[in-house]
């Protein structure tokens, strides 16, 4: 180690003497000892492996995160725990940066020491102890959670360290405890949610803890009337809860409140991340129970989804189509979509224009709209109107093309059934480009 430091100092002196301070000097070169063997850039946080090779921490940890548990140079076995900070090289690099400040080189900051599993475990112990004190639980929990969040946000290494020892479960337990005992813990609960987001995705135990009645009530309250950051974090937590296997049975009595909170986020977006998380959570709820799908439709989400699909990007289109397809499993959802002039044209437009998944979801949604009602009553006229509208905007041609290029068996069955039904109405109206939604005015005149 000392030999490397001496060599580095000599390289510094040589580089500075060659470079000089004038404009006519030789171009400044980074000494080879200062470059990471992986990125070939100046090391900012040098760490040394047991093999004696020094790397920049960010580069070697990214290498190990890909599953390659070997030293890139020697190919000897290597783990995250084997890396040791090389303070000698780091100080020499900092000295080199200071010596060349006049030539535009900025001094690298001294990296923070990564948190250890022991330190992280002590913080979790303090959090659990604070949550068990009914009188002063909120202030003490807020203090510990702030430390956990700050350390987890310092680096990905710290975040992984906390996640590996079950911090998500501890934070969920603290959230549940405060939600049950403290009536004025709203701000602290938001702080815990902010730390929980750093630990996502949560495991089943943490998600199940957040699925308790008291926790869900607090999550819904924050999602509806908390701060902007708190509302986003609450929606992310709700998504984790409803996405957990078997969690739906624990939501009895709270489903309507959760649906209202999620629909509110989609209708009045606060940020794209919250909107997408709300859509994912709504999809899981609507897919699990037809009654919930009907409740989502009654909340007025179908028109919002249809209009959002007009100019949505790939990610938003796939999520909106998934939610729409799930909601259309209910009679209320289909009735709301059939009453919207853009529903069928938008579904046809999304075929082949977004992704294979979006195409399959659009076909499934059209298949649901084209199905006859179970009671065979007054809605027959609405079903016929939707089928004729689908023909006018080119659904027949796109469905034929889909069968030619291939798709999943379930989608193929729905497309085939749709083609058989649409064939009965061929020749009723002219065909327009589904991408030009302005053509609807001409057809409806």
Protein backbone atom coordinates (compact mmCIF):
# COMPACT_ATOMS: atom_id res chain seq x y z
CA UNK A 1 0.00 0.00 0.00
CA UNK A 2 2.80 2.40 0.95
CA UNK A 3 4.66 1.57 -2.27
CA UNK A 4 1.56 2.44 -4.33
CA UNK A 5 1.21 5.73 -2.47
CA UNK A 6 4.86 6.66 -3.13
CA UNK A 7 4.47 5.81 -6.82
CA UNK A 8 1.31 7.90 -6.98
CA UNK A 9 3.08 10.91 -5.41
CA UNK A 10 5.90 10.63 -7.94
CA UNK A 11 3.30 10.49 -10.71
CA UNK A 12 1.70 13.63 -9.32
CA UNK A 13 4.99 15.52 -9.31
CA UNK A 14 5.78 14.35 -12.83
CA UNK A 15 2.34 15.24 -14.18
CA UNK A 16 2.45 18.71 -12.62
CA UNK A 17 5.95 19.41 -13.89
CA UNK A 18 4.99 18.32 -17.40
CA UNK A 19 1.74 20.23 -17.38
CA UNK A 20 2.97 23.50 -15.93
CA UNK A 21 0.60 26.35 -15.32
CA UNK A 22 0.92 28.12 -18.64
CA UNK A 23 -1.31 27.77 -21.64
CA UNK A 24 1.48 26.29 -23.71
CA UNK A 25 2.18 23.35 -21.38
CA UNK A 26 1.63 19.72 -22.21
CA UNK A 27 -1.98 18.57 -21.83
CA UNK A 28 -2.61 17.37 -18.30
CA UNK A 29 -2.81 13.59 -18.06
CA UNK A 30 -4.40 11.63 -15.23
CA UNK A 31 -1.79 9.31 -13.66
CA UNK A 32 -2.46 5.65 -14.37
CA UNK A 33 -2.61 4.83 -10.64
CA UNK A 34 -5.57 7.21 -10.29
CA UNK A 35 -7.69 5.55 -12.96
CA UNK A 36 -10.20 2.82 -12.19
CA UNK A 37 -9.38 -0.34 -14.18
CA UNK A 38 -13.08 -0.67 -15.05
CA UNK A 39 -14.19 2.84 -16.01
CA UNK A 40 -10.70 4.24 -16.75
CA UNK A 41 -11.87 7.46 -15.05
CA UNK A 42 -10.40 9.25 -12.06
CA UNK A 43 -11.30 7.29 -8.91
CA UNK A 44 -13.47 9.25 -6.48
CA UNK A 45 -13.85 6.58 -3.80
CA UNK A 46 -11.02 4.05 -4.26
CA UNK A 47 -11.43 0.63 -2.64
CA UNK A 48 -8.99 -2.26 -2.71
CA UNK A 49 -9.90 -5.91 -3.23
CA UNK A 50 -8.09 -8.79 -1.47
CA UNK A 51 -6.25 -9.35 -4.75
CA UNK A 52 -4.50 -5.98 -4.30
CA UNK A 53 -6.30 -4.28 -7.21
CA UNK A 54 -7.82 -0.86 -6.48
CA UNK A 55 -11.11 0.16 -8.10
CA UNK A 56 -13.53 3.03 -7.83
CA UNK A 57 -16.30 1.91 -5.47
CA UNK A 58 -19.15 2.81 -7.82
CA UNK A 59 -17.64 0.87 -10.73
CA UNK A 60 -16.71 -2.31 -8.83
CA UNK A 61 -20.05 -2.43 -6.98
CA UNK A 62 -21.89 -2.03 -10.29
CA UNK A 63 -19.77 -4.91 -11.61
CA UNK A 64 -20.65 -7.12 -8.64
CA UNK A 65 -24.34 -6.17 -8.84
CA UNK A 66 -24.53 -7.80 -12.27
CA UNK A 67 -23.82 -11.18 -10.66
CA UNK A 68 -20.15 -11.40 -11.58
CA UNK A 69 -18.63 -12.27 -8.19
CA UNK A 70 -15.02 -12.12 -9.36
CA UNK A 71 -12.23 -9.58 -9.54
CA UNK A 72 -12.30 -8.07 -13.07
CA UNK A 73 -8.50 -8.15 -13.34
CA UNK A 74 -7.46 -11.39 -11.60
CA UNK A 75 -10.80 -13.26 -11.84
CA UNK A 76 -10.42 -14.32 -8.20
CA UNK A 77 -13.63 -14.63 -6.11
CA UNK A 78 -14.81 -11.26 -4.82
CA UNK A 79 -17.72 -10.07 -2.66
CA UNK A 80 -19.02 -6.66 -1.61
CA UNK A 81 -17.79 -7.31 1.93
CA UNK A 82 -14.22 -7.84 0.71
CA UNK A 83 -13.76 -4.26 -0.50
CA UNK A 84 -11.66 -2.03 1.79
CA UNK A 85 -11.42 1.78 1.41
CA UNK A 86 -7.97 2.86 0.17
CA UNK A 87 -7.49 6.07 2.09
CA UNK A 88 -3.84 6.47 1.03
CA UNK A 89 -4.61 6.59 -2.69
CA UNK A 90 -7.67 8.74 -2.09
CA UNK A 91 -5.61 11.38 -0.22
CA UNK A 92 -2.96 11.41 -2.95
CA UNK A 93 -5.67 11.87 -5.59
CA UNK A 94 -7.11 14.76 -3.60
CA UNK A 95 -3.64 16.34 -3.37
CA UNK A 96 -3.26 15.98 -7.13
CA UNK A 97 -6.60 17.66 -7.68
CA UNK A 98 -5.61 20.58 -5.41
CA UNK A 99 -2.25 20.95 -7.16
CA UNK A 100 -4.02 21.20 -10.53
CA UNK A 101 -6.90 23.39 -9.45
CA UNK A 102 -5.63 26.22 -11.66
CA UNK A 103 -6.03 23.92 -14.66
CA UNK A 104 -9.69 23.23 -14.01
CA UNK A 105 -9.38 20.09 -11.87
CA UNK A 106 -11.90 19.99 -9.01
CA UNK A 107 -11.01 18.37 -5.73
CA UNK A 108 -12.95 15.18 -5.11
CA UNK A 109 -14.84 15.20 -1.80
CA UNK A 110 -13.96 12.79 0.95
CA UNK A 111 -16.46 9.91 0.63
CA UNK A 112 -18.68 9.07 3.56
CA UNK A 113 -18.02 5.83 5.39
CA UNK A 114 -20.64 3.22 4.37
CA UNK A 115 -23.01 2.04 7.07
CA UNK A 116 -22.30 -1.41 8.49
CA UNK A 117 -24.91 -4.10 9.23
CA UNK A 118 -24.22 -3.65 12.95
CA UNK A 119 -24.90 0.09 12.79
CA UNK A 120 -28.04 -0.49 10.73
CA UNK A 121 -29.27 -3.13 13.18
CA UNK A 122 -28.76 -0.74 16.10
CA UNK A 123 -30.93 1.86 14.39
CA UNK A 124 -33.68 -0.72 13.80
CA UNK A 125 -33.49 -1.74 17.46
CA UNK A 126 -33.88 1.92 18.49
CA UNK A 127 -36.83 2.27 16.11
CA UNK A 128 -38.60 -0.78 17.54
CA UNK A 129 -37.97 0.42 21.10
CA UNK A 130 -39.28 3.91 20.32
CA UNK A 131 -42.43 2.56 18.65
CA UNK A 132 -43.29 0.64 21.85
CA UNK A 133 -43.37 3.81 23.96
CA UNK A 134 -46.89 5.24 23.69
CA UNK A 135 -46.08 8.64 25.21
CA UNK A 136 -43.00 9.82 23.30
CA UNK A 137 -43.07 7.38 20.39
CA UNK A 138 -43.57 9.98 17.66
CA UNK A 139 -40.59 12.28 18.37
CA UNK A 140 -38.15 9.45 18.94
CA UNK A 141 -39.37 7.51 15.89
CA UNK A 142 -39.03 10.63 13.77
CA UNK A 143 -35.43 11.05 14.89
CA UNK A 144 -34.45 7.44 14.14
CA UNK A 145 -36.32 7.34 10.82
CA UNK A 146 -34.56 10.53 9.71
CA UNK A 147 -31.20 8.85 10.32
CA UNK A 148 -32.23 5.71 8.45
CA UNK A 149 -33.53 7.69 5.50
CA UNK A 150 -30.45 9.92 5.32
CA UNK A 151 -28.07 6.95 5.39
CA UNK A 152 -30.11 4.97 2.86
CA UNK A 153 -30.12 7.91 0.44
CA UNK A 154 -26.36 8.44 0.78
CA UNK A 155 -25.51 5.50 -1.45
CA UNK A 156 -26.92 2.38 -3.04
CA UNK A 157 -24.57 0.35 -0.81
CA UNK A 158 -26.23 1.75 2.30
CA UNK A 159 -29.69 1.13 0.91
CA UNK A 160 -28.84 -2.50 0.17
CA UNK A 161 -27.40 -2.88 3.66
CA UNK A 162 -30.62 -1.66 5.28
CA UNK A 163 -32.82 -3.71 2.96
CA UNK A 164 -30.85 -6.91 3.63
CA UNK A 165 -31.52 -6.83 7.38
CA UNK A 166 -35.30 -6.32 7.10
CA UNK A 167 -35.59 -2.55 7.45
CA UNK A 168 -38.76 -2.60 5.36
CA UNK A 169 -40.45 -4.88 7.90
CA UNK A 170 -39.26 -2.76 10.84
CA UNK A 171 -40.52 0.46 9.26
CA UNK A 172 -43.86 -1.14 8.39
CA UNK A 173 -44.23 -2.34 11.98
CA UNK A 174 -43.43 1.13 13.32
CA UNK A 175 -45.94 2.68 10.91
CA UNK A 176 -48.64 0.25 12.05
CA UNK A 177 -47.84 0.84 15.72
CA UNK A 178 -48.03 4.63 15.42
CA UNK A 179 -51.12 4.49 13.22
CA UNK A 180 -52.87 2.45 15.90
CA UNK A 181 -51.74 4.38 18.98
CA UNK A 182 -50.94 7.97 18.08
CA UNK A 183 -53.72 10.18 16.76
CA UNK A 184 -51.41 13.13 16.02
CA UNK A 185 -48.60 11.23 14.30
CA UNK A 186 -49.43 12.33 10.75
CA UNK A 187 -46.09 13.99 10.08
CA UNK A 188 -44.11 11.10 11.55
CA UNK A 189 -46.11 8.61 9.48
CA UNK A 190 -45.18 10.54 6.34
CA UNK A 191 -41.51 10.40 7.38
CA UNK A 192 -41.75 6.63 7.84
CA UNK A 193 -43.36 6.30 4.41
CA UNK A 194 -40.51 8.29 2.86
CA UNK A 195 -38.03 5.85 4.38
CA UNK A 196 -40.16 2.87 3.32
CA UNK A 197 -40.06 4.01 -0.29
CA UNK A 198 -36.26 3.74 -0.17
CA UNK A 199 -36.63 0.05 0.77
CA UNK A 200 -39.05 -0.89 -2.02
CA UNK A 201 -39.91 -3.42 -3.27
CA UNK A 202 -41.20 -4.66 0.08
CA UNK A 203 -41.42 -8.33 1.01
CA UNK A 204 -44.74 -10.03 1.75
CA UNK A 205 -44.41 -9.62 5.51
CA UNK A 206 -43.91 -5.86 5.29
CA UNK A 207 -46.76 -5.50 2.77
CA UNK A 208 -49.06 -7.57 4.99
CA UNK A 209 -48.24 -5.36 7.98
CA UNK A 210 -49.16 -2.27 5.97
CA UNK A 211 -52.38 -4.06 5.05
CA UNK A 212 -53.73 -3.93 8.61
CA UNK A 213 -56.90 -1.85 9.11
CA UNK A 214 -55.15 0.90 11.08
CA UNK A 215 -52.28 1.18 8.57
CA UNK A 216 -54.63 1.24 5.59
CA UNK A 217 -56.75 3.94 7.19
CA UNK A 218 -53.63 6.08 7.67
CA UNK A 219 -52.40 5.38 4.14
CA UNK A 220 -55.74 6.44 2.67
CA UNK A 221 -55.82 9.59 4.82
CA UNK A 222 -52.31 10.58 3.73
CA UNK A 223 -53.04 9.77 0.07
CA UNK A 224 -56.08 12.07 0.15
CA UNK A 225 -54.93 15.00 2.28
CA UNK A 226 -51.21 14.68 3.04
CA UNK A 227 -48.37 16.72 1.60
CA UNK A 228 -47.46 16.18 -2.05
CA UNK A 229 -44.53 13.93 -1.15
CA UNK A 230 -46.63 12.13 1.44
CA UNK A 231 -49.45 11.49 -1.03
CA UNK A 232 -47.04 10.04 -3.58
CA UNK A 233 -45.39 7.80 -0.98
CA UNK A 234 -48.78 6.66 0.33
CA UNK A 235 -49.86 5.62 -3.16
CA UNK A 236 -46.59 3.73 -3.63
CA UNK A 237 -47.21 1.92 -0.34
CA UNK A 238 -50.81 1.08 -1.30
CA UNK A 239 -49.49 -0.36 -4.56
CA UNK A 240 -47.16 -2.63 -2.60
CA UNK A 241 -50.03 -3.78 -0.36
CA UNK A 242 -52.54 -4.61 -3.08
CA UNK A 243 -49.88 -6.23 -5.27
CA UNK A 244 -48.94 -8.66 -2.50
CA UNK A 245 -50.23 -12.22 -2.97
CA UNK A 246 -53.21 -12.88 -0.76
CA UNK A 247 -53.37 -9.31 0.52
CA UNK A 248 -56.75 -8.63 -1.06
CA UNK A 249 -58.64 -10.59 1.60
CA UNK A 250 -57.26 -8.20 4.25
CA UNK A 251 -58.74 -5.15 2.53
CA UNK A 252 -62.35 -5.88 3.43
CA UNK A 253 -64.09 -2.74 4.61
CA UNK A 254 -61.42 -0.47 3.16
CA UNK A 255 -61.69 -1.22 -0.56
CA UNK A 256 -64.08 1.61 -1.34
CA UNK A 257 -61.92 4.14 0.49
CA UNK A 258 -58.79 2.90 -1.24
CA UNK A 259 -60.48 3.06 -4.65
CA UNK A 260 -61.64 6.63 -4.02
CA UNK A 261 -58.13 7.69 -3.00
CA UNK A 262 -56.52 6.05 -6.04
CA UNK A 263 -59.07 7.45 -8.48
CA UNK A 264 -58.52 10.90 -7.00
CA UNK A 265 -54.80 10.64 -7.75
CA UNK A 266 -55.45 9.55 -11.35
CA UNK A 267 -58.04 12.25 -11.96
CA UNK A 268 -55.91 15.04 -10.45
CA UNK A 269 -52.29 13.94 -11.01
CA UNK A 270 -49.58 15.20 -8.67
CA UNK A 271 -46.67 13.56 -10.53
CA UNK A 272 -46.24 10.82 -13.17
CA UNK A 273 -44.81 8.36 -10.64
CA UNK A 274 -47.85 8.67 -8.38
CA UNK A 275 -50.25 8.38 -11.32
CA UNK A 276 -48.61 5.21 -12.60
CA UNK A 277 -48.50 3.70 -9.11
CA UNK A 278 -52.20 4.51 -8.63
CA UNK A 279 -53.01 2.82 -11.95
CA UNK A 280 -51.08 -0.31 -11.01
CA UNK A 281 -52.84 -0.50 -7.65
CA UNK A 282 -56.25 0.09 -9.27
CA UNK A 283 -55.52 -2.64 -11.80
CA UNK A 284 -54.79 -5.20 -9.07
CA UNK A 285 -57.93 -4.24 -7.17
CA UNK A 286 -60.23 -4.27 -10.21
CA UNK A 287 -58.84 -7.55 -11.50
CA UNK A 288 -59.38 -9.27 -8.15
CA UNK A 289 -63.13 -8.69 -7.85
CA UNK A 290 -65.83 -7.65 -10.31
CA UNK A 291 -67.53 -5.66 -7.55
CA UNK A 292 -64.39 -3.57 -7.15
CA UNK A 293 -64.23 -3.10 -10.92
CA UNK A 294 -67.80 -1.78 -10.80
CA UNK A 295 -66.82 0.53 -7.93
CA UNK A 296 -63.94 1.93 -9.97
CA UNK A 297 -66.28 2.54 -12.90
CA UNK A 298 -68.81 4.24 -10.60
CA UNK A 299 -66.03 6.56 -9.39
CA UNK A 300 -65.78 7.90 -12.97
CA UNK A 301 -62.38 6.54 -13.93
CA UNK A 302 -63.30 5.12 -17.35
CA UNK A 303 -63.65 8.51 -19.16
CA UNK A 304 -60.40 9.68 -17.56
CA UNK A 305 -58.55 6.60 -18.83
CA UNK A 306 -59.98 6.92 -22.34
CA UNK A 307 -58.97 10.55 -22.63
CA UNK A 308 -55.54 9.89 -21.12
CA UNK A 309 -54.90 7.27 -23.81
CA UNK A 310 -55.17 9.78 -26.65
CA UNK A 311 -51.64 11.16 -26.21
CA UNK A 312 -50.12 8.87 -23.58
CA UNK A 313 -46.58 7.51 -23.82
CA UNK A 314 -45.75 3.78 -23.88
CA UNK A 315 -45.63 3.23 -20.13
CA UNK A 316 -48.77 5.22 -19.40
CA UNK A 317 -50.64 3.63 -22.33
CA UNK A 318 -49.92 0.09 -21.13
CA UNK A 319 -51.02 0.86 -17.58
CA UNK A 320 -54.15 2.74 -18.64
CA UNK A 321 -55.13 -0.07 -21.02
CA UNK A 322 -54.58 -2.67 -18.30
CA UNK A 323 -56.81 -0.78 -15.87
CA UNK A 324 -59.44 -0.18 -18.54
CA UNK A 325 -59.52 -3.86 -19.51
CA UNK A 326 -59.90 -4.87 -15.86
CA UNK A 327 -62.70 -2.35 -15.23
CA UNK A 328 -64.56 -3.47 -18.39
CA UNK A 329 -65.10 -6.85 -16.73
CA UNK A 330 -68.05 -5.21 -14.98
CA UNK A 331 -71.34 -4.15 -16.55
CA UNK A 332 -70.88 -0.65 -15.12
CA UNK A 333 -67.46 -0.34 -16.73
CA UNK A 334 -68.69 -1.47 -20.13
CA UNK A 335 -71.67 0.88 -19.95
CA UNK A 336 -69.42 3.84 -19.15
CA UNK A 337 -67.02 3.01 -22.00
CA UNK A 338 -69.80 2.49 -24.55
CA UNK A 339 -71.17 5.91 -23.70
CA UNK A 340 -67.83 7.58 -24.48
CA UNK A 341 -67.37 8.61 -28.12
CA UNK A 342 -63.58 8.10 -28.03
CA UNK A 343 -63.46 4.68 -26.35
CA UNK A 344 -63.53 2.44 -29.43
CA UNK A 345 -61.45 4.72 -31.72
CA UNK A 346 -58.74 5.04 -29.07
CA UNK A 347 -58.59 1.27 -28.53
CA UNK A 348 -58.22 0.66 -32.26
CA UNK A 349 -55.62 3.42 -32.52
CA UNK A 350 -53.42 1.79 -29.87
CA UNK A 351 -53.18 -1.49 -31.77
CA UNK A 352 -49.68 -1.92 -33.31
CA UNK A 353 -48.69 1.61 -32.26
CA UNK A 354 -47.41 1.11 -28.71
CA UNK A 355 -46.28 -2.43 -27.93
CA UNK A 356 -47.38 -6.05 -28.19
CA UNK A 357 -48.78 -5.85 -24.66
CA UNK A 358 -50.79 -2.73 -25.49
CA UNK A 359 -52.18 -4.43 -28.60
CA UNK A 360 -53.31 -7.46 -26.60
CA UNK A 361 -54.92 -5.28 -23.94
CA UNK A 362 -56.71 -3.18 -26.58
CA UNK A 363 -58.09 -6.33 -28.23
CA UNK A 364 -59.27 -7.66 -24.88
CA UNK A 365 -61.01 -4.38 -24.08
CA UNK A 366 -62.73 -4.30 -27.50
CA UNK A 367 -63.78 -7.92 -27.02
CA UNK A 368 -65.43 -6.99 -23.72
CA UNK A 369 -67.22 -4.03 -25.32
CA UNK A 370 -68.46 -6.19 -28.20
CA UNK A 371 -69.95 -8.87 -25.99
CA UNK A 372 -73.72 -9.02 -25.70
CA UNK A 373 -75.10 -8.25 -22.22
CA UNK A 374 -75.87 -11.18 -19.99
CA UNK A 375 -79.57 -10.34 -19.78
CA UNK A 376 -79.85 -9.53 -23.50
CA UNK A 377 -81.81 -6.38 -22.68
CA UNK A 378 -81.70 -2.75 -23.72
CA UNK A 379 -77.94 -2.58 -24.09
CA UNK A 380 -78.02 -4.50 -27.37
CA UNK A 381 -78.27 -1.19 -29.24
CA UNK A 382 -75.16 0.14 -27.49
CA UNK A 383 -73.23 -3.03 -28.31
CA UNK A 384 -74.23 -2.71 -31.96
CA UNK A 385 -73.15 0.92 -32.03
CA UNK A 386 -69.73 0.00 -30.63
CA UNK A 387 -69.26 -2.75 -33.22
CA UNK A 388 -70.23 -0.46 -36.09
CA UNK A 389 -67.90 2.21 -34.72
CA UNK A 390 -65.08 -0.33 -34.56
CA UNK A 391 -65.62 -1.18 -38.23
CA UNK A 392 -65.57 2.48 -39.20
CA UNK A 393 -62.19 3.10 -37.57
CA UNK A 394 -60.51 0.05 -39.11
CA UNK A 395 -60.71 -2.59 -36.39
CA UNK A 396 -61.51 -5.38 -38.89
CA UNK A 397 -58.32 -4.85 -40.88
CA UNK A 398 -56.14 -4.60 -37.79
CA UNK A 399 -57.59 -7.76 -36.28
CA UNK A 400 -56.90 -9.65 -39.52
CA UNK A 401 -53.33 -8.36 -39.48
CA UNK A 402 -52.95 -9.44 -35.86
CA UNK A 403 -53.93 -13.01 -36.74
CA UNK A 404 -51.43 -12.99 -39.59
CA UNK A 405 -48.45 -11.75 -37.57
CA UNK A 406 -49.31 -13.97 -34.60
CA UNK A 407 -50.22 -13.41 -30.95
CA UNK A 408 -50.96 -15.34 -27.80
CA UNK A 409 -53.66 -18.00 -27.88
CA UNK A 410 -56.00 -16.08 -25.58
CA UNK A 411 -55.70 -12.95 -27.72
CA UNK A 412 -56.14 -14.99 -30.89
CA UNK A 413 -59.41 -16.41 -29.58
CA UNK A 414 -60.74 -12.96 -28.72
CA UNK A 415 -59.66 -11.52 -32.08
CA UNK A 416 -61.31 -14.40 -33.93
CA UNK A 417 -64.55 -13.96 -32.00
CA UNK A 418 -64.49 -10.22 -32.66
CA UNK A 419 -63.98 -10.75 -36.39
CA UNK A 420 -66.98 -13.08 -36.54
CA UNK A 421 -69.18 -10.53 -34.83
CA UNK A 422 -67.84 -7.59 -36.86
CA UNK A 423 -68.39 -9.45 -40.10
CA UNK A 424 -72.15 -9.18 -39.56
CA UNK A 425 -71.96 -5.39 -39.74
CA UNK A 426 -69.58 -4.95 -42.68
CA UNK A 427 -70.71 -2.34 -45.17
CA UNK A 428 -72.70 -0.34 -42.62
CA UNK A 429 -70.36 2.67 -42.63
CA UNK A 430 -67.20 4.02 -44.19
CA UNK A 431 -63.75 3.36 -42.74
CA UNK A 432 -61.63 6.21 -41.42
CA UNK A 433 -58.13 6.33 -40.02
CA UNK A 434 -58.32 5.56 -36.28
CA UNK A 435 -55.31 7.81 -35.74
CA UNK A 436 -57.33 10.85 -36.88
CA UNK A 437 -59.89 11.23 -34.11
CA UNK A 438 -61.24 14.37 -35.80
CA UNK A 439 -62.89 12.09 -38.33
CA UNK A 440 -65.43 11.19 -35.67
CA UNK A 441 -67.19 14.50 -36.19
CA UNK A 442 -67.84 13.62 -39.83
CA UNK A 443 -69.18 10.19 -38.97
CA UNK A 444 -71.48 11.41 -36.22
CA UNK A 445 -72.94 14.20 -38.34
